[in-house]
Amino acid sequence: MKQMLHTEYASKLKDTAFLVEVDDGGFIVDLARRCYYDLSASALSLARLLEHGATTEDLEGRLVADFEVDAEAAAADVARFTSELKALQLVEPVQGEAASRPRSAATASKKPYSAPSISLEREVLSEVRARPVSPVA
């Protein structure tokens, strides 16, 4: 297994991309393009890590820990999924502490697996505006 270094590059969701979770799944809101993307269960699991930054190994490890998938298939699916996120301009590279996060422990019962997928929802977000966050006093 590869040795993780603090200089290893990771990816994280861009500041204009937000993960939103609902009872039956989740999606990524892209404020730059005023649209949103529906996430499969495995993609949602990966997006949770990408909120703060994760390496390819982090993402592969999460799939193997949480789903009924072997390491080889997880590696191929993570490579495809992260390429798709880059093409959609939803992630950006980061360096440093985000690249050294510990892996999660395996869950007691793994979920059935389907490859991570992201799909553009055709409904345009016309009233979404970025607002500054007010600090809590």
C-alpha atoms as a PDB file:
ATOM      1  CA  MET A   1       0.000   0.000   0.000  1.00  0.00           C
ATOM      2  CA  LYS A   2       1.222   3.526  -0.787  1.00  0.00           C
ATOM      3  CA  GLN A   3       2.614   5.694   1.986  1.00  0.00           C
ATOM      4  CA  MET A   4       0.464   8.818   2.350  1.00  0.00           C
ATOM      5  CA  LEU A   5       2.508  12.017   2.490  1.00  0.00           C
ATOM      6  CA  HIS A   6       1.439  15.465   3.623  1.00  0.00           C
ATOM      7  CA  THR A   7       2.444  16.765   0.187  1.00  0.00           C
ATOM      8  CA  GLU A   8       0.129  14.330  -1.609  1.00  0.00           C
ATOM      9  CA  TYR A   9      -2.470  16.126  -3.670  1.00  0.00           C
ATOM     10  CA  ALA A  10      -6.123  15.812  -2.901  1.00  0.00           C
ATOM     11  CA  SER A  11      -9.289  17.226  -4.383  1.00  0.00           C
ATOM     12  CA  LYS A  12     -12.142  19.062  -2.735  1.00  0.00           C
ATOM     13  CA  LEU A  13     -15.421  20.555  -3.836  1.00  0.00           C
ATOM     14  CA  LYS A  14     -15.003  24.100  -5.135  1.00  0.00           C
ATOM     15  CA  ASP A  15     -16.329  26.955  -3.035  1.00  0.00           C
ATOM     16  CA  THR A  16     -19.167  27.374  -5.544  1.00  0.00           C
ATOM     17  CA  ALA A  17     -20.254  23.723  -5.215  1.00  0.00           C
ATOM     18  CA  PHE A  18     -22.283  22.636  -2.196  1.00  0.00           C
ATOM     19  CA  LEU A  19     -23.319  19.195  -1.044  1.00  0.00           C
ATOM     20  CA  VAL A  20     -26.948  18.991   0.021  1.00  0.00           C
ATOM     21  CA  GLU A  21     -28.292  15.877   1.707  1.00  0.00           C
ATOM     22  CA  VAL A  22     -31.964  14.960   1.914  1.00  0.00           C
ATOM     23  CA  ASP A  23     -33.729  11.948   3.396  1.00  0.00           C
ATOM     24  CA  ASP A  24     -33.456   9.830   0.266  1.00  0.00           C
ATOM     25  CA  GLY A  25     -30.050  10.929  -1.090  1.00  0.00           C
ATOM     26  CA  GLY A  26     -28.128  14.007  -2.012  1.00  0.00           C
ATOM     27  CA  PHE A  27     -27.035  16.376  -4.716  1.00  0.00           C
ATOM     28  CA  ILE A  28     -24.376  18.953  -5.502  1.00  0.00           C
ATOM     29  CA  VAL A  29     -25.534  22.512  -6.147  1.00  0.00           C
ATOM     30  CA  ASP A  30     -23.276  24.346  -8.602  1.00  0.00           C
ATOM     31  CA  LEU A  31     -23.734  28.061  -8.000  1.00  0.00           C
ATOM     32  CA  ALA A  32     -21.369  28.980 -10.830  1.00  0.00           C
ATOM     33  CA  ARG A  33     -23.629  27.314 -13.404  1.00  0.00           C
ATOM     34  CA  ARG A  34     -26.898  27.670 -11.468  1.00  0.00           C
ATOM     35  CA  CYS A  35     -27.720  23.997 -11.691  1.00  0.00           C
ATOM     36  CA  TYR A  36     -27.588  20.892  -9.570  1.00  0.00           C
ATOM     37  CA  TYR A  37     -26.481  17.287  -9.947  1.00  0.00           C
ATOM     38  CA  ASP A  38     -28.198  14.245  -8.479  1.00  0.00           C
ATOM     39  CA  LEU A  39     -25.840  11.759  -6.759  1.00  0.00           C
ATOM     40  CA  SER A  40     -26.081   7.990  -6.445  1.00  0.00           C
ATOM     41  CA  ALA A  41     -25.578   6.511  -2.940  1.00  0.00           C
ATOM     42  CA  SER A  42     -21.908   5.735  -3.582  1.00  0.00           C
ATOM     43  CA  ALA A  43     -21.321   9.185  -5.137  1.00  0.00           C
ATOM     44  CA  LEU A  44     -22.887  10.807  -2.066  1.00  0.00           C
ATOM     45  CA  SER A  45     -20.491   8.847   0.144  1.00  0.00           C
ATOM     46  CA  LEU A  46     -17.546  10.198  -1.894  1.00  0.00           C
ATOM     47  CA  ALA A  47     -18.899  13.750  -1.999  1.00  0.00           C
ATOM     48  CA  ARG A  48     -18.996  13.812   1.812  1.00  0.00           C
ATOM     49  CA  LEU A  49     -15.224  13.301   1.821  1.00  0.00           C
ATOM     50  CA  LEU A  50     -14.685  15.801  -0.978  1.00  0.00           C
ATOM     51  CA  GLU A  51     -16.350  18.588   1.018  1.00  0.00           C
ATOM     52  CA  HIS A  52     -13.108  19.047   2.974  1.00  0.00           C
ATOM     53  CA  GLY A  53     -10.609  17.349   0.676  1.00  0.00           C
ATOM     54  CA  ALA A  54      -9.709  13.744   0.014  1.00  0.00           C
ATOM     55  CA  THR A  55      -7.112  11.756  -1.872  1.00  0.00           C
ATOM     56  CA  THR A  56      -7.867   9.010  -4.358  1.00  0.00           C
ATOM     57  CA  GLU A  57      -6.896   6.486  -1.670  1.00  0.00           C
ATOM     58  CA  ASP A  58      -9.365   8.078   0.773  1.00  0.00           C
ATOM     59  CA  LEU A  59     -12.153   7.764  -1.793  1.00  0.00           C
ATOM     60  CA  GLU A  60     -11.302   4.180  -2.743  1.00  0.00           C
ATOM     61  CA  GLY A  61     -11.098   3.222   0.935  1.00  0.00           C
ATOM     62  CA  ARG A  62     -14.514   4.713   1.634  1.00  0.00           C
ATOM     63  CA  LEU A  63     -16.145   2.658  -1.137  1.00  0.00           C
ATOM     64  CA  VAL A  64     -14.507  -0.584   0.031  1.00  0.00           C
ATOM     65  CA  ALA A  65     -15.405   0.120   3.681  1.00  0.00           C
ATOM     66  CA  ASP A  66     -19.047   1.044   3.055  1.00  0.00           C
ATOM     67  CA  PHE A  67     -20.111  -0.984   0.015  1.00  0.00           C
ATOM     68  CA  GLU A  68     -19.921  -4.497  -1.380  1.00  0.00           C
ATOM     69  CA  VAL A  69     -17.110  -3.723  -3.830  1.00  0.00           C
ATOM     70  CA  ASP A  70     -13.528  -4.936  -4.191  1.00  0.00           C
ATOM     71  CA  ALA A  71     -10.519  -2.606  -4.228  1.00  0.00           C
ATOM     72  CA  GLU A  72      -9.837  -2.989  -7.960  1.00  0.00           C
ATOM     73  CA  ALA A  73     -13.378  -2.042  -8.996  1.00  0.00           C
ATOM     74  CA  ALA A  74     -13.421   0.808  -6.454  1.00  0.00           C
ATOM     75  CA  ALA A  75     -10.163   2.210  -7.883  1.00  0.00           C
ATOM     76  CA  ALA A  76     -11.513   2.165 -11.442  1.00  0.00           C
ATOM     77  CA  ASP A  77     -14.815   3.750 -10.391  1.00  0.00           C
ATOM     78  CA  VAL A  78     -13.119   6.471  -8.329  1.00  0.00           C
ATOM     79  CA  ALA A  79     -10.859   7.337 -11.280  1.00  0.00           C
ATOM     80  CA  ARG A  80     -13.873   7.653 -13.591  1.00  0.00           C
ATOM     81  CA  PHE A  81     -15.954   9.603 -11.065  1.00  0.00           C
ATOM     82  CA  THR A  82     -13.215  12.090 -10.146  1.00  0.00           C
ATOM     83  CA  SER A  83     -12.485  12.668 -13.852  1.00  0.00           C
ATOM     84  CA  GLU A  84     -16.146  13.459 -14.360  1.00  0.00           C
ATOM     85  CA  LEU A  85     -16.155  15.895 -11.416  1.00  0.00           C
ATOM     86  CA  LYS A  86     -13.066  17.629 -12.851  1.00  0.00           C
ATOM     87  CA  ALA A  87     -14.680  17.895 -16.284  1.00  0.00           C
ATOM     88  CA  LEU A  88     -17.761  19.460 -14.655  1.00  0.00           C
ATOM     89  CA  GLN A  89     -15.432  21.862 -12.783  1.00  0.00           C
ATOM     90  CA  LEU A  90     -16.895  20.871  -9.419  1.00  0.00           C
ATOM     91  CA  VAL A  91     -13.583  20.042  -7.684  1.00  0.00           C
ATOM     92  CA  GLU A  92     -10.228  21.711  -7.275  1.00  0.00           C
ATOM     93  CA  PRO A  93      -6.839  20.452  -6.083  1.00  0.00           C
ATOM     94  CA  VAL A  94      -5.687  21.017  -2.516  1.00  0.00           C
ATOM     95  CA  GLN A  95      -2.433  20.207  -0.821  1.00  0.00           C
ATOM     96  CA  GLY A  96      -1.545  19.497   2.789  1.00  0.00           C
ATOM     97  CA  GLU A  97      -3.591  18.332   5.742  1.00  0.00           C
ATOM     98  CA  ALA A  98      -6.677  17.387   3.721  1.00  0.00           C
ATOM     99  CA  ALA A  99      -4.556  14.768   1.993  1.00  0.00           C
ATOM    100  CA  SER A 100      -3.739  12.928   5.214  1.00  0.00           C
ATOM    101  CA  ARG A 101      -7.140  12.092   6.617  1.00  0.00           C
ATOM    102  CA  PRO A 102      -7.527   8.659   8.259  1.00  0.00           C
ATOM    103  CA  ARG A 103      -9.681   6.039   6.592  1.00  0.00           C
ATOM    104  CA  SER A 104     -13.032   5.169   8.054  1.00  0.00           C
ATOM    105  CA  ALA A 105     -13.475   1.802   9.683  1.00  0.00           C
ATOM    106  CA  ALA A 106     -15.457  -0.832   7.821  1.00  0.00           C
ATOM    107  CA  THR A 107     -19.154  -0.777   8.601  1.00  0.00           C
ATOM    108  CA  ALA A 108     -20.800  -3.830  10.159  1.00  0.00           C
ATOM    109  CA  SER A 109     -23.006  -4.475   7.153  1.00  0.00           C
ATOM    110  CA  LYS A 110     -21.975  -3.169   3.775  1.00  0.00           C
ATOM    111  CA  LYS A 111     -24.488  -1.656   1.407  1.00  0.00           C
ATOM    112  CA  PRO A 112     -25.176  -3.058  -2.060  1.00  0.00           C
ATOM    113  CA  TYR A 113     -22.921  -1.373  -4.598  1.00  0.00           C
ATOM    114  CA  SER A 114     -23.504   0.493  -7.789  1.00  0.00           C
ATOM    115  CA  ALA A 115     -20.802   2.673  -9.323  1.00  0.00           C
ATOM    116  CA  PRO A 116     -20.777   6.340  -8.321  1.00  0.00           C
ATOM    117  CA  SER A 117     -22.816   8.429 -10.714  1.00  0.00           C
ATOM    118  CA  ILE A 118     -23.714  12.071 -11.058  1.00  0.00           C
ATOM    119  CA  SER A 119     -26.457  13.361 -13.322  1.00  0.00           C
ATOM    120  CA  LEU A 120     -27.399  16.898 -14.271  1.00  0.00           C
ATOM    121  CA  GLU A 121     -30.920  17.839 -13.313  1.00  0.00           C
ATOM    122  CA  ARG A 122     -32.517  19.858 -16.096  1.00  0.00           C
ATOM    123  CA  GLU A 123     -34.332  22.207 -13.734  1.00  0.00           C
ATOM    124  CA  VAL A 124     -32.374  25.494 -13.641  1.00  0.00           C
ATOM    125  CA  LEU A 125     -31.872  27.172 -10.301  1.00  0.00           C
ATOM    126  CA  SER A 126     -33.047  30.671 -11.100  1.00  0.00           C
ATOM    127  CA  GLU A 127     -33.329  32.135  -7.607  1.00  0.00           C
ATOM    128  CA  VAL A 128     -30.135  30.811  -6.027  1.00  0.00           C
ATOM    129  CA  ARG A 129     -27.801  33.527  -4.846  1.00  0.00           C
ATOM    130  CA  ALA A 130     -24.637  33.269  -2.809  1.00  0.00           C
ATOM    131  CA  ARG A 131     -24.901  35.187   0.440  1.00  0.00           C
ATOM    132  CA  PRO A 132     -22.103  35.870   2.881  1.00  0.00           C
ATOM    133  CA  VAL A 133     -22.296  33.804   6.044  1.00  0.00           C
ATOM    134  CA  SER A 134     -22.916  35.861   9.161  1.00  0.00           C
ATOM    135  CA  PRO A 135     -20.515  35.081  11.988  1.00  0.00           C
ATOM    136  CA  VAL A 136     -22.120  33.744  15.151  1.00  0.00           C
ATOM    137  CA  ALA A 137     -21.555  36.131  18.047  1.00  0.00           C
END
